[in-house]
Amino acid sequence: MTRRLAQVAQKVGVSEATVSRVLNDRPGVSRTTRESVLTALDVLGYERPTQLRGERARLVGLVLPELQNPIFPAFAEVIGGSLAQQGLTPVLCTQTKGGVSEADYVELLLQQQVSGVVFAGGLFAQADEPHDHYRRLADRRIPVVLINASIEGLDFPCVSCDDAVAIEQAWRHLESLGHERIGLVLGPSDHAPSRRKLAAARAVAGALPAEHVERSLFSLEGGQAAASRLLERGVTGIVCASDPLALGAVRAARRRGLVVPADVSVVGFDDSAFMNCTEPPLTTVRQPIEAMGRAAVELLSALIQSGAVPPGELLFEPELVVRGSTAQVRR
């Protein structure tokens, strides 16, 4: 703080006491000097105090990896409504293939002097992806909250669904139906939530053959390809790391002439929109989207107001929703 005062004072040509009065929004400073101090803050790359950012300070970036997976629009709806209740306005930033990157969106949000950023899924969960834009936000002291498990070292508050409990619920359900050859469809190997799910599956299964684990991009097509390989190896139950992956697994079974759930049972993850309307209705592990979204906004609001929230992770309990895509194993 002292270094910042000194640098701004030197840049403007005023005393550190004058800079302090401006930063604390106290009287006794001319309008011209006040504007010069604020401009110097921007030029030097320092964060303006919240009370001095004007109306733009009420903007909050909401960065999503996609909108095709229904879970992300669901989070956007909850988070957007909760931000509005706090008097904050969300700026939706959605990545597209070949379009604006997550780092580009962060730069745009910094230019808009946003009060904070919520990332619901994103590169923070993947160890092998670039993370410099997250560190840029940290250096600028922009409040950030992450939704989903993060890699180590980013040190932002995080809101997550408990992946270990989710896998245990799905696995125990299939075991209760008599399934012994259970396969697992996960995201990339550097994906933090998928790593947690794999560790949990190994713990609950006791011995999980490597050939019963497949990796995929989070898409219906990826799920279909991964599930096809598992079905070739004779699995009778498949646990998937997302609902689109699970729908891909159902398609893979049908393409092989198998019936879900008579021949193979499939469990998803998220319980996103319309999963009760699929054929068959999808058994899945439900994320508590409402509670998680509201918690993320509460954390962000506390950070904006006082910056007093310590880094760490809030884990939310999932719920197994049994529908028509799982059944007793055929003997």
C-alpha atoms as a PDB file:
ATOM      1  CA  MET A   1       0.000   0.000   0.000  1.00  0.00           C
ATOM      2  CA  THR A   2       2.812   2.421   0.926  1.00  0.00           C
ATOM      3  CA  ARG A   3       4.603   1.629  -2.324  1.00  0.00           C
ATOM      4  CA  ARG A   4       1.434   2.261  -4.283  1.00  0.00           C
ATOM      5  CA  LEU A   5       0.918   5.640  -2.587  1.00  0.00           C
ATOM      6  CA  ALA A   6       4.487   6.651  -3.343  1.00  0.00           C
ATOM      7  CA  GLN A   7       4.321   5.621  -7.008  1.00  0.00           C
ATOM      8  CA  VAL A   8       1.005   7.385  -7.642  1.00  0.00           C
ATOM      9  CA  ALA A   9       2.134  10.506  -5.777  1.00  0.00           C
ATOM     10  CA  GLN A  10       5.321  10.670  -7.848  1.00  0.00           C
ATOM     11  CA  LYS A  11       3.387  10.134 -11.088  1.00  0.00           C
ATOM     12  CA  VAL A  12       0.919  12.952 -10.356  1.00  0.00           C
ATOM     13  CA  GLY A  13       3.320  15.261  -8.524  1.00  0.00           C
ATOM     14  CA  VAL A  14       1.359  15.485  -5.279  1.00  0.00           C
ATOM     15  CA  SER A  15       1.914  14.292  -1.716  1.00  0.00           C
ATOM     16  CA  GLU A  16       1.150  10.774  -0.525  1.00  0.00           C
ATOM     17  CA  ALA A  17      -1.370  12.296   1.880  1.00  0.00           C
ATOM     18  CA  THR A  18      -3.285  13.739  -1.078  1.00  0.00           C
ATOM     19  CA  VAL A  19      -3.298  10.349  -2.820  1.00  0.00           C
ATOM     20  CA  SER A  20      -4.554   8.731   0.380  1.00  0.00           C
ATOM     21  CA  ARG A  21      -7.424  11.225   0.616  1.00  0.00           C
ATOM     22  CA  VAL A  22      -8.451  10.423  -2.964  1.00  0.00           C
ATOM     23  CA  LEU A  23      -8.274   6.654  -2.420  1.00  0.00           C
ATOM     24  CA  ASN A  24     -10.397   6.941   0.711  1.00  0.00           C
ATOM     25  CA  ASP A  25     -12.870   9.295  -1.025  1.00  0.00           C
ATOM     26  CA  ARG A  26     -12.276  12.099   1.467  1.00  0.00           C
ATOM     27  CA  PRO A  27     -12.865  15.832   0.841  1.00  0.00           C
ATOM     28  CA  GLY A  28     -10.167  18.457   0.514  1.00  0.00           C
ATOM     29  CA  VAL A  29      -8.905  17.514  -2.959  1.00  0.00           C
ATOM     30  CA  SER A  30      -9.709  19.406  -6.153  1.00  0.00           C
ATOM     31  CA  ARG A  31     -11.602  17.638  -8.910  1.00  0.00           C
ATOM     32  CA  THR A  32      -8.642  17.952 -11.292  1.00  0.00           C
ATOM     33  CA  THR A  33      -6.226  16.397  -8.798  1.00  0.00           C
ATOM     34  CA  ARG A  34      -8.698  13.633  -7.976  1.00  0.00           C
ATOM     35  CA  GLU A  35      -9.048  12.698 -11.659  1.00  0.00           C
ATOM     36  CA  SER A  36      -5.270  12.806 -12.106  1.00  0.00           C
ATOM     37  CA  VAL A  37      -4.765  10.396  -9.219  1.00  0.00           C
ATOM     38  CA  LEU A  38      -7.387   7.966 -10.571  1.00  0.00           C
ATOM     39  CA  THR A  39      -5.855   8.118 -14.047  1.00  0.00           C
ATOM     40  CA  ALA A  40      -2.424   7.406 -12.555  1.00  0.00           C
ATOM     41  CA  LEU A  41      -3.870   4.336 -10.830  1.00  0.00           C
ATOM     42  CA  ASP A  42      -5.111   3.033 -14.184  1.00  0.00           C
ATOM     43  CA  VAL A  43      -1.825   3.775 -15.957  1.00  0.00           C
ATOM     44  CA  LEU A  44       0.230   2.059 -13.255  1.00  0.00           C
ATOM     45  CA  GLY A  45      -2.058  -0.977 -13.329  1.00  0.00           C
ATOM     46  CA  TYR A  46      -3.499  -0.605  -9.823  1.00  0.00           C
ATOM     47  CA  GLU A  47      -7.078  -1.467  -8.918  1.00  0.00           C
ATOM     48  CA  ARG A  48      -9.353   1.495  -8.251  1.00  0.00           C
ATOM     49  CA  PRO A  49     -11.102   1.344  -4.858  1.00  0.00           C
ATOM     50  CA  THR A  50     -14.617  -0.042  -5.295  1.00  0.00           C
ATOM     51  CA  GLN A  51     -16.316   3.193  -4.239  1.00  0.00           C
ATOM     52  CA  LEU A  52     -14.403   5.115  -6.932  1.00  0.00           C
ATOM     53  CA  ARG A  53     -15.081   2.915  -9.937  1.00  0.00           C
ATOM     54  CA  GLY A  54     -18.437   4.417 -10.816  1.00  0.00           C
ATOM     55  CA  GLU A  55     -21.298   2.398 -12.324  1.00  0.00           C
ATOM     56  CA  ARG A  56     -18.966   0.053 -14.125  1.00  0.00           C
ATOM     57  CA  ALA A  57     -17.900  -1.301 -10.749  1.00  0.00           C
ATOM     58  CA  ARG A  58     -21.251  -3.081 -10.617  1.00  0.00           C
ATOM     59  CA  LEU A  59     -20.241  -5.347 -13.497  1.00  0.00           C
ATOM     60  CA  VAL A  60     -19.213  -8.954 -12.828  1.00  0.00           C
ATOM     61  CA  GLY A  61     -17.734 -11.241 -15.449  1.00  0.00           C
ATOM     62  CA  LEU A  62     -19.371 -14.677 -15.766  1.00  0.00           C
ATOM     63  CA  VAL A  63     -17.060 -16.872 -17.836  1.00  0.00           C
ATOM     64  CA  LEU A  64     -18.405 -20.194 -19.171  1.00  0.00           C
ATOM     65  CA  PRO A  65     -16.648 -22.756 -21.369  1.00  0.00           C
ATOM     66  CA  GLU A  66     -19.746 -23.412 -23.498  1.00  0.00           C
ATOM     67  CA  LEU A  67     -23.531 -23.252 -23.634  1.00  0.00           C
ATOM     68  CA  GLN A  68     -24.228 -26.556 -25.414  1.00  0.00           C
ATOM     69  CA  ASN A  69     -24.008 -28.500 -22.161  1.00  0.00           C
ATOM     70  CA  PRO A  70     -27.248 -27.559 -20.336  1.00  0.00           C
ATOM     71  CA  ILE A  71     -25.466 -27.414 -16.972  1.00  0.00           C
ATOM     72  CA  PHE A  72     -23.771 -24.132 -17.885  1.00  0.00           C
ATOM     73  CA  PRO A  73     -26.913 -22.181 -18.871  1.00  0.00           C
ATOM     74  CA  ALA A  74     -28.419 -23.486 -15.618  1.00  0.00           C
ATOM     75  CA  PHE A  75     -25.518 -22.063 -13.626  1.00  0.00           C
ATOM     76  CA  ALA A  76     -25.725 -18.814 -15.595  1.00  0.00           C
ATOM     77  CA  GLU A  77     -29.404 -18.419 -14.713  1.00  0.00           C
ATOM     78  CA  VAL A  78     -28.831 -18.941 -10.978  1.00  0.00           C
ATOM     79  CA  ILE A  79     -25.698 -16.796 -10.823  1.00  0.00           C
ATOM     80  CA  GLY A  80     -27.220 -14.008 -12.924  1.00  0.00           C
ATOM     81  CA  GLY A  81     -30.296 -13.827 -10.710  1.00  0.00           C
ATOM     82  CA  SER A  82     -28.224 -13.854  -7.526  1.00  0.00           C
ATOM     83  CA  LEU A  83     -25.932 -11.111  -8.839  1.00  0.00           C
ATOM     84  CA  ALA A  84     -28.956  -8.959  -9.682  1.00  0.00           C
ATOM     85  CA  GLN A  85     -30.200  -9.332  -6.105  1.00  0.00           C
ATOM     86  CA  GLN A  86     -26.827  -7.982  -4.965  1.00  0.00           C
ATOM     87  CA  GLY A  87     -27.113  -5.000  -7.314  1.00  0.00           C
ATOM     88  CA  LEU A  88     -24.484  -6.462  -9.664  1.00  0.00           C
ATOM     89  CA  THR A  89     -24.771  -6.977 -13.423  1.00  0.00           C
ATOM     90  CA  PRO A  90     -23.315 -10.126 -15.057  1.00  0.00           C
ATOM     91  CA  VAL A  91     -21.266  -9.858 -18.241  1.00  0.00           C
ATOM     92  CA  LEU A  92     -21.613 -13.253 -19.929  1.00  0.00           C
ATOM     93  CA  CYS A  93     -18.448 -14.517 -21.621  1.00  0.00           C
ATOM     94  CA  THR A  94     -18.831 -17.809 -23.489  1.00  0.00           C
ATOM     95  CA  GLN A  95     -15.995 -19.489 -25.321  1.00  0.00           C
ATOM     96  CA  THR A  96     -16.482 -20.891 -28.800  1.00  0.00           C
ATOM     97  CA  LYS A  97     -14.217 -23.075 -30.886  1.00  0.00           C
ATOM     98  CA  GLY A  98     -11.823 -20.832 -32.771  1.00  0.00           C
ATOM     99  CA  GLY A  99     -13.325 -17.761 -31.093  1.00  0.00           C
ATOM    100  CA  VAL A 100     -12.400 -15.558 -28.166  1.00  0.00           C
ATOM    101  CA  SER A 101     -10.248 -17.362 -25.608  1.00  0.00           C
ATOM    102  CA  GLU A 102     -10.627 -17.303 -21.849  1.00  0.00           C
ATOM    103  CA  ALA A 103      -7.519 -15.102 -21.591  1.00  0.00           C
ATOM    104  CA  ASP A 104      -8.992 -12.680 -24.147  1.00  0.00           C
ATOM    105  CA  TYR A 105     -12.190 -12.416 -22.133  1.00  0.00           C
ATOM    106  CA  VAL A 106     -10.188 -11.681 -18.979  1.00  0.00           C
ATOM    107  CA  GLU A 107      -8.421  -8.841 -20.770  1.00  0.00           C
ATOM    108  CA  LEU A 108     -11.749  -7.403 -21.929  1.00  0.00           C
ATOM    109  CA  LEU A 109     -13.182  -7.652 -18.419  1.00  0.00           C
ATOM    110  CA  LEU A 110     -10.159  -5.864 -16.965  1.00  0.00           C
ATOM    111  CA  GLN A 111     -10.654  -3.075 -19.475  1.00  0.00           C
ATOM    112  CA  GLN A 112     -14.250  -2.761 -18.246  1.00  0.00           C
ATOM    113  CA  GLN A 113     -12.988  -2.459 -14.644  1.00  0.00           C
ATOM    114  CA  VAL A 114     -15.275  -5.233 -13.451  1.00  0.00           C
ATOM    115  CA  SER A 115     -15.751  -5.714  -9.724  1.00  0.00           C
ATOM    116  CA  GLY A 116     -15.148  -9.452  -9.931  1.00  0.00           C
ATOM    117  CA  VAL A 117     -15.249 -12.595 -12.050  1.00  0.00           C
ATOM    118  CA  VAL A 118     -16.993 -15.966 -11.645  1.00  0.00           C
ATOM    119  CA  PHE A 119     -15.629 -18.885 -13.667  1.00  0.00           C
ATOM    120  CA  ALA A 120     -18.092 -21.781 -13.951  1.00  0.00           C
ATOM    121  CA  GLY A 121     -15.889 -24.484 -15.418  1.00  0.00           C
ATOM    122  CA  GLY A 122     -12.815 -23.501 -17.387  1.00  0.00           C
ATOM    123  CA  LEU A 123      -9.077 -23.862 -17.799  1.00  0.00           C
ATOM    124  CA  PHE A 124      -8.506 -23.519 -14.051  1.00  0.00           C
ATOM    125  CA  ALA A 125      -9.498 -27.206 -13.808  1.00  0.00           C
ATOM    126  CA  GLN A 126      -6.902 -28.407 -16.347  1.00  0.00           C
ATOM    127  CA  ALA A 127      -3.278 -28.661 -15.275  1.00  0.00           C
ATOM    128  CA  ASP A 128      -1.809 -28.607 -18.792  1.00  0.00           C
ATOM    129  CA  GLU A 129      -3.602 -25.453 -19.975  1.00  0.00           C
ATOM    130  CA  PRO A 130      -2.280 -21.852 -19.648  1.00  0.00           C
ATOM    131  CA  HIS A 131      -3.143 -20.057 -16.402  1.00  0.00           C
ATOM    132  CA  ASP A 132      -1.384 -16.694 -16.723  1.00  0.00           C
ATOM    133  CA  HIS A 133      -4.707 -14.841 -17.046  1.00  0.00           C
ATOM    134  CA  TYR A 134      -5.779 -16.138 -13.617  1.00  0.00           C
ATOM    135  CA  ARG A 135      -2.555 -14.872 -12.098  1.00  0.00           C
ATOM    136  CA  ARG A 136      -3.139 -11.520 -13.811  1.00  0.00           C
ATOM    137  CA  LEU A 137      -6.480 -11.269 -12.035  1.00  0.00           C
ATOM    138  CA  ALA A 138      -4.796 -12.145  -8.743  1.00  0.00           C
ATOM    139  CA  ASP A 139      -2.079  -9.543  -9.315  1.00  0.00           C
ATOM    140  CA  ARG A 140      -4.743  -6.901  -9.955  1.00  0.00           C
ATOM    141  CA  ARG A 141      -6.586  -8.066  -6.829  1.00  0.00           C
ATOM    142  CA  ILE A 142      -9.809  -8.680  -8.742  1.00  0.00           C
ATOM    143  CA  PRO A 143     -12.200 -10.838  -6.671  1.00  0.00           C
ATOM    144  CA  VAL A 144     -12.541 -14.259  -8.323  1.00  0.00           C
ATOM    145  CA  VAL A 145     -14.660 -17.299  -7.458  1.00  0.00           C
ATOM    146  CA  LEU A 146     -14.368 -20.659  -9.215  1.00  0.00           C
ATOM    147  CA  ILE A 147     -17.154 -23.211  -9.684  1.00  0.00           C
ATOM    148  CA  ASN A 148     -15.733 -26.708 -10.041  1.00  0.00           C
ATOM    149  CA  ALA A 149     -12.559 -28.282  -8.697  1.00  0.00           C
ATOM    150  CA  SER A 150      -9.392 -26.325  -9.434  1.00  0.00           C
ATOM    151  CA  ILE A 151      -5.777 -27.293  -9.935  1.00  0.00           C
ATOM    152  CA  GLU A 152      -3.432 -26.502  -7.051  1.00  0.00           C
ATOM    153  CA  GLY A 153      -1.723 -23.137  -6.835  1.00  0.00           C
ATOM    154  CA  LEU A 154      -4.406 -20.714  -8.034  1.00  0.00           C
ATOM    155  CA  ASP A 155      -5.630 -19.948  -4.498  1.00  0.00           C
ATOM    156  CA  PHE A 156      -9.088 -18.601  -5.342  1.00  0.00           C
ATOM    157  CA  PRO A 157     -12.231 -19.432  -3.363  1.00  0.00           C
ATOM    158  CA  CYS A 158     -13.899 -22.423  -5.000  1.00  0.00           C
ATOM    159  CA  VAL A 159     -17.391 -23.948  -4.978  1.00  0.00           C
ATOM    160  CA  SER A 160     -17.519 -27.613  -6.008  1.00  0.00           C
ATOM    161  CA  CYS A 161     -19.755 -30.641  -6.050  1.00  0.00           C
ATOM    162  CA  ASP A 162     -18.149 -33.496  -4.115  1.00  0.00           C
ATOM    163  CA  ASP A 163     -16.856 -35.728  -6.922  1.00  0.00           C
ATOM    164  CA  ALA A 164     -15.908 -38.548  -4.555  1.00  0.00           C
ATOM    165  CA  VAL A 165     -19.424 -38.777  -3.118  1.00  0.00           C
ATOM    166  CA  ALA A 166     -20.922 -38.610  -6.625  1.00  0.00           C
ATOM    167  CA  ILE A 167     -18.870 -41.563  -7.832  1.00  0.00           C
ATOM    168  CA  GLU A 168     -19.576 -43.569  -4.696  1.00  0.00           C
ATOM    169  CA  GLN A 169     -23.329 -43.018  -5.098  1.00  0.00           C
ATOM    170  CA  ALA A 170     -23.288 -44.075  -8.764  1.00  0.00           C
ATOM    171  CA  TRP A 171     -20.980 -47.040  -8.190  1.00  0.00           C
ATOM    172  CA  ARG A 172     -22.899 -48.396  -5.191  1.00  0.00           C
ATOM    173  CA  HIS A 173     -26.135 -48.073  -7.155  1.00  0.00           C
ATOM    174  CA  LEU A 174     -24.811 -50.197 -10.020  1.00  0.00           C
ATOM    175  CA  GLU A 175     -23.321 -52.726  -7.606  1.00  0.00           C
ATOM    176  CA  SER A 176     -26.685 -53.016  -5.849  1.00  0.00           C
ATOM    177  CA  LEU A 177     -28.154 -53.994  -9.217  1.00  0.00           C
ATOM    178  CA  GLY A 178     -25.623 -56.795  -9.568  1.00  0.00           C
ATOM    179  CA  HIS A 179     -23.155 -55.110 -11.930  1.00  0.00           C
ATOM    180  CA  GLU A 180     -19.571 -56.293 -11.484  1.00  0.00           C
ATOM    181  CA  ARG A 181     -17.965 -55.080 -14.728  1.00  0.00           C
ATOM    182  CA  ILE A 182     -18.399 -51.311 -14.405  1.00  0.00           C
ATOM    183  CA  GLY A 183     -16.704 -48.839 -16.740  1.00  0.00           C
ATOM    184  CA  LEU A 184     -15.887 -45.168 -16.236  1.00  0.00           C
ATOM    185  CA  VAL A 185     -15.948 -42.360 -18.842  1.00  0.00           C
ATOM    186  CA  LEU A 186     -13.998 -39.295 -17.706  1.00  0.00           C
ATOM    187  CA  GLY A 187     -12.644 -36.047 -19.084  1.00  0.00           C
ATOM    188  CA  PRO A 188      -8.969 -35.449 -20.010  1.00  0.00           C
ATOM    189  CA  SER A 189      -6.226 -36.805 -17.746  1.00  0.00           C
ATOM    190  CA  ASP A 190      -5.226 -33.301 -16.557  1.00  0.00           C
ATOM    191  CA  HIS A 191      -8.821 -32.415 -15.577  1.00  0.00           C
ATOM    192  CA  ALA A 192      -9.044 -31.975 -11.782  1.00  0.00           C
ATOM    193  CA  PRO A 193     -12.671 -33.175 -11.283  1.00  0.00           C
ATOM    194  CA  SER A 194     -11.982 -36.232 -13.458  1.00  0.00           C
ATOM    195  CA  ARG A 195      -8.896 -37.031 -11.404  1.00  0.00           C
ATOM    196  CA  ARG A 196     -11.000 -36.890  -8.257  1.00  0.00           C
ATOM    197  CA  LYS A 197     -13.627 -39.137  -9.798  1.00  0.00           C
ATOM    198  CA  LEU A 198     -10.999 -41.680 -10.833  1.00  0.00           C
ATOM    199  CA  ALA A 199      -9.464 -41.748  -7.354  1.00  0.00           C
ATOM    200  CA  ALA A 200     -12.923 -42.249  -5.847  1.00  0.00           C
ATOM    201  CA  ALA A 201     -13.769 -45.053  -8.287  1.00  0.00           C
ATOM    202  CA  ARG A 202     -10.549 -46.863  -7.425  1.00  0.00           C
ATOM    203  CA  ALA A 203     -11.327 -46.506  -3.733  1.00  0.00           C
ATOM    204  CA  VAL A 204     -14.886 -47.797  -3.951  1.00  0.00           C
ATOM    205  CA  ALA A 205     -14.190 -50.546  -6.512  1.00  0.00           C
ATOM    206  CA  GLY A 206     -11.165 -51.927  -4.695  1.00  0.00           C
ATOM    207  CA  ALA A 207      -9.573 -52.980  -7.968  1.00  0.00           C
ATOM    208  CA  LEU A 208     -10.430 -51.005 -11.114  1.00  0.00           C
ATOM    209  CA  PRO A 209      -8.862 -52.446 -14.288  1.00  0.00           C
ATOM    210  CA  ALA A 210      -7.198 -49.812 -16.486  1.00  0.00           C
ATOM    211  CA  GLU A 211      -9.187 -51.094 -19.470  1.00  0.00           C
ATOM    212  CA  HIS A 212     -12.400 -50.099 -17.679  1.00  0.00           C
ATOM    213  CA  VAL A 213     -11.444 -46.398 -17.708  1.00  0.00           C
ATOM    214  CA  GLU A 214     -11.814 -44.240 -20.816  1.00  0.00           C
ATOM    215  CA  ARG A 215     -11.041 -40.545 -21.416  1.00  0.00           C
ATOM    216  CA  SER A 216     -12.991 -38.188 -23.638  1.00  0.00           C
ATOM    217  CA  LEU A 217     -13.796 -34.612 -24.465  1.00  0.00           C
ATOM    218  CA  PHE A 218     -17.012 -33.499 -22.770  1.00  0.00           C
ATOM    219  CA  SER A 219     -19.383 -34.082 -25.679  1.00  0.00           C
ATOM    220  CA  LEU A 220     -22.008 -36.553 -26.809  1.00  0.00           C
ATOM    221  CA  GLU A 221     -19.730 -37.765 -29.616  1.00  0.00           C
ATOM    222  CA  GLY A 222     -16.825 -38.205 -27.218  1.00  0.00           C
ATOM    223  CA  GLY A 223     -19.010 -40.191 -24.842  1.00  0.00           C
ATOM    224  CA  GLN A 224     -20.182 -42.408 -27.664  1.00  0.00           C
ATOM    225  CA  ALA A 225     -16.631 -43.227 -28.769  1.00  0.00           C
ATOM    226  CA  ALA A 226     -15.398 -43.877 -25.222  1.00  0.00           C
ATOM    227  CA  ALA A 227     -18.411 -46.025 -24.313  1.00  0.00           C
ATOM    228  CA  SER A 228     -18.027 -48.070 -27.513  1.00  0.00           C
ATOM    229  CA  ARG A 229     -14.542 -49.084 -26.394  1.00  0.00           C
ATOM    230  CA  LEU A 230     -15.832 -50.055 -22.942  1.00  0.00           C
ATOM    231  CA  LEU A 231     -18.668 -52.108 -24.406  1.00  0.00           C
ATOM    232  CA  GLU A 232     -16.185 -54.021 -26.547  1.00  0.00           C
ATOM    233  CA  ARG A 233     -14.508 -55.046 -23.279  1.00  0.00           C
ATOM    234  CA  GLY A 234     -17.742 -56.430 -21.849  1.00  0.00           C
ATOM    235  CA  VAL A 235     -18.772 -53.852 -19.236  1.00  0.00           C
ATOM    236  CA  THR A 236     -22.440 -53.996 -18.194  1.00  0.00           C
ATOM    237  CA  GLY A 237     -22.588 -50.645 -16.385  1.00  0.00           C
ATOM    238  CA  ILE A 238     -21.072 -47.265 -17.312  1.00  0.00           C
ATOM    239  CA  VAL A 239     -20.592 -44.237 -15.038  1.00  0.00           C
ATOM    240  CA  CYS A 240     -20.031 -40.982 -16.931  1.00  0.00           C
ATOM    241  CA  ALA A 241     -18.550 -37.647 -15.803  1.00  0.00           C
ATOM    242  CA  SER A 242     -21.347 -35.609 -17.432  1.00  0.00           C
ATOM    243  CA  ASP A 243     -24.834 -36.044 -18.828  1.00  0.00           C
ATOM    244  CA  PRO A 244     -23.782 -35.447 -22.483  1.00  0.00           C
ATOM    245  CA  LEU A 245     -21.180 -38.201 -22.073  1.00  0.00           C
ATOM    246  CA  ALA A 246     -23.905 -40.482 -20.699  1.00  0.00           C
ATOM    247  CA  LEU A 247     -26.202 -39.729 -23.633  1.00  0.00           C
ATOM    248  CA  GLY A 248     -23.302 -40.633 -25.904  1.00  0.00           C
ATOM    249  CA  ALA A 249     -22.972 -43.926 -24.032  1.00  0.00           C
ATOM    250  CA  VAL A 250     -26.666 -44.672 -24.604  1.00  0.00           C
ATOM    251  CA  ARG A 251     -26.194 -44.013 -28.312  1.00  0.00           C
ATOM    252  CA  ALA A 252     -23.121 -46.277 -28.385  1.00  0.00           C
ATOM    253  CA  ALA A 253     -25.120 -49.122 -26.840  1.00  0.00           C
ATOM    254  CA  ARG A 254     -27.912 -48.726 -29.393  1.00  0.00           C
ATOM    255  CA  ARG A 255     -25.456 -48.666 -32.300  1.00  0.00           C
ATOM    256  CA  ARG A 256     -24.219 -52.049 -31.092  1.00  0.00           C
ATOM    257  CA  GLY A 257     -27.757 -53.428 -30.933  1.00  0.00           C
ATOM    258  CA  LEU A 258     -27.885 -53.314 -27.132  1.00  0.00           C
ATOM    259  CA  VAL A 259     -30.831 -52.118 -25.068  1.00  0.00           C
ATOM    260  CA  VAL A 260     -30.497 -49.616 -22.215  1.00  0.00           C
ATOM    261  CA  PRO A 261     -31.000 -50.658 -19.453  1.00  0.00           C
ATOM    262  CA  ALA A 262     -31.747 -54.330 -20.227  1.00  0.00           C
ATOM    263  CA  ASP A 263     -28.253 -55.003 -21.622  1.00  0.00           C
ATOM    264  CA  VAL A 264     -26.225 -52.118 -20.208  1.00  0.00           C
ATOM    265  CA  SER A 265     -26.905 -49.543 -17.480  1.00  0.00           C
ATOM    266  CA  VAL A 266     -25.741 -45.928 -17.793  1.00  0.00           C
ATOM    267  CA  VAL A 267     -25.330 -43.244 -15.099  1.00  0.00           C
ATOM    268  CA  GLY A 268     -24.659 -39.565 -15.855  1.00  0.00           C
ATOM    269  CA  PHE A 269     -23.521 -36.607 -13.789  1.00  0.00           C
ATOM    270  CA  ASP A 270     -25.143 -33.141 -13.374  1.00  0.00           C
ATOM    271  CA  ASP A 271     -28.889 -33.822 -13.836  1.00  0.00           C
ATOM    272  CA  SER A 272     -29.038 -31.006 -16.361  1.00  0.00           C
ATOM    273  CA  ALA A 273     -32.204 -29.925 -18.128  1.00  0.00           C
ATOM    274  CA  PHE A 274     -34.411 -32.530 -19.844  1.00  0.00           C
ATOM    275  CA  MET A 275     -32.521 -35.590 -18.576  1.00  0.00           C
ATOM    276  CA  ASN A 276     -35.905 -36.862 -17.340  1.00  0.00           C
ATOM    277  CA  CYS A 277     -37.213 -36.564 -20.910  1.00  0.00           C
ATOM    278  CA  THR A 278     -34.635 -38.745 -22.665  1.00  0.00           C
ATOM    279  CA  GLU A 279     -35.370 -42.303 -23.773  1.00  0.00           C
ATOM    280  CA  PRO A 280     -34.876 -43.924 -21.389  1.00  0.00           C
ATOM    281  CA  PRO A 281     -34.919 -41.171 -18.734  1.00  0.00           C
ATOM    282  CA  LEU A 282     -31.343 -40.833 -17.499  1.00  0.00           C
ATOM    283  CA  THR A 283     -30.218 -42.012 -14.090  1.00  0.00           C
ATOM    284  CA  THR A 284     -27.723 -39.371 -12.985  1.00  0.00           C
ATOM    285  CA  VAL A 285     -26.039 -37.712 -10.027  1.00  0.00           C
ATOM    286  CA  ARG A 286     -27.515 -34.281  -9.444  1.00  0.00           C
ATOM    287  CA  GLN A 287     -25.343 -31.261  -8.714  1.00  0.00           C
ATOM    288  CA  PRO A 288     -27.072 -28.778  -6.350  1.00  0.00           C
ATOM    289  CA  ILE A 289     -26.879 -25.979  -8.923  1.00  0.00           C
ATOM    290  CA  GLU A 290     -29.065 -23.514  -7.025  1.00  0.00           C
ATOM    291  CA  ALA A 291     -27.102 -23.797  -3.785  1.00  0.00           C
ATOM    292  CA  MET A 292     -23.725 -23.757  -5.511  1.00  0.00           C
ATOM    293  CA  GLY A 293     -24.540 -20.733  -7.666  1.00  0.00           C
ATOM    294  CA  ARG A 294     -25.857 -18.721  -4.740  1.00  0.00           C
ATOM    295  CA  ALA A 295     -22.842 -19.632  -2.614  1.00  0.00           C
ATOM    296  CA  ALA A 296     -20.488 -18.473  -5.375  1.00  0.00           C
ATOM    297  CA  VAL A 297     -22.217 -15.089  -5.552  1.00  0.00           C
ATOM    298  CA  GLU A 298     -22.192 -14.712  -1.771  1.00  0.00           C
ATOM    299  CA  LEU A 299     -18.458 -15.410  -1.727  1.00  0.00           C
ATOM    300  CA  LEU A 300     -17.852 -12.931  -4.525  1.00  0.00           C
ATOM    301  CA  SER A 301     -19.962 -10.255  -2.852  1.00  0.00           C
ATOM    302  CA  ALA A 302     -18.002 -10.688   0.388  1.00  0.00           C
ATOM    303  CA  LEU A 303     -14.744 -10.389  -1.525  1.00  0.00           C
ATOM    304  CA  ILE A 304     -15.898  -7.215  -3.282  1.00  0.00           C
ATOM    305  CA  GLN A 305     -17.054  -5.600  -0.067  1.00  0.00           C
ATOM    306  CA  SER A 306     -14.206  -6.534   2.241  1.00  0.00           C
ATOM    307  CA  GLY A 307     -11.785  -8.931   0.570  1.00  0.00           C
ATOM    308  CA  ALA A 308     -11.977 -10.985   3.757  1.00  0.00           C
ATOM    309  CA  VAL A 309     -12.887 -14.411   2.333  1.00  0.00           C
ATOM    310  CA  PRO A 310      -9.937 -16.825   2.615  1.00  0.00           C
ATOM    311  CA  PRO A 311      -9.097 -19.095  -0.335  1.00  0.00           C
ATOM    312  CA  GLY A 312     -10.435 -22.593  -0.039  1.00  0.00           C
ATOM    313  CA  GLU A 313     -13.157 -24.928  -1.327  1.00  0.00           C
ATOM    314  CA  LEU A 314     -16.790 -25.338  -0.397  1.00  0.00           C
ATOM    315  CA  LEU A 315     -17.900 -28.903  -1.152  1.00  0.00           C
ATOM    316  CA  PHE A 316     -21.580 -29.528  -1.868  1.00  0.00           C
ATOM    317  CA  GLU A 317     -23.284 -32.891  -1.529  1.00  0.00           C
ATOM    318  CA  PRO A 318     -24.685 -34.444  -4.748  1.00  0.00           C
ATOM    319  CA  GLU A 319     -27.809 -36.586  -4.984  1.00  0.00           C
ATOM    320  CA  LEU A 320     -28.346 -39.770  -6.979  1.00  0.00           C
ATOM    321  CA  VAL A 321     -31.489 -39.538  -9.121  1.00  0.00           C
ATOM    322  CA  VAL A 322     -32.580 -43.009 -10.250  1.00  0.00           C
ATOM    323  CA  ARG A 323     -34.563 -43.142 -13.484  1.00  0.00           C
ATOM    324  CA  GLY A 324     -34.858 -45.561 -16.361  1.00  0.00           C
ATOM    325  CA  SER A 325     -31.286 -45.995 -17.690  1.00  0.00           C
ATOM    326  CA  THR A 326     -30.218 -48.434 -14.957  1.00  0.00           C
ATOM    327  CA  ALA A 327     -31.591 -51.866 -14.125  1.00  0.00           C
ATOM    328  CA  GLN A 328     -30.716 -55.262 -12.647  1.00  0.00           C
ATOM    329  CA  VAL A 329     -27.869 -56.895 -14.505  1.00  0.00           C
ATOM    330  CA  ARG A 330     -28.905 -59.613 -16.950  1.00  0.00           C
ATOM    331  CA  ARG A 331     -27.580 -63.024 -15.910  1.00  0.00           C
END
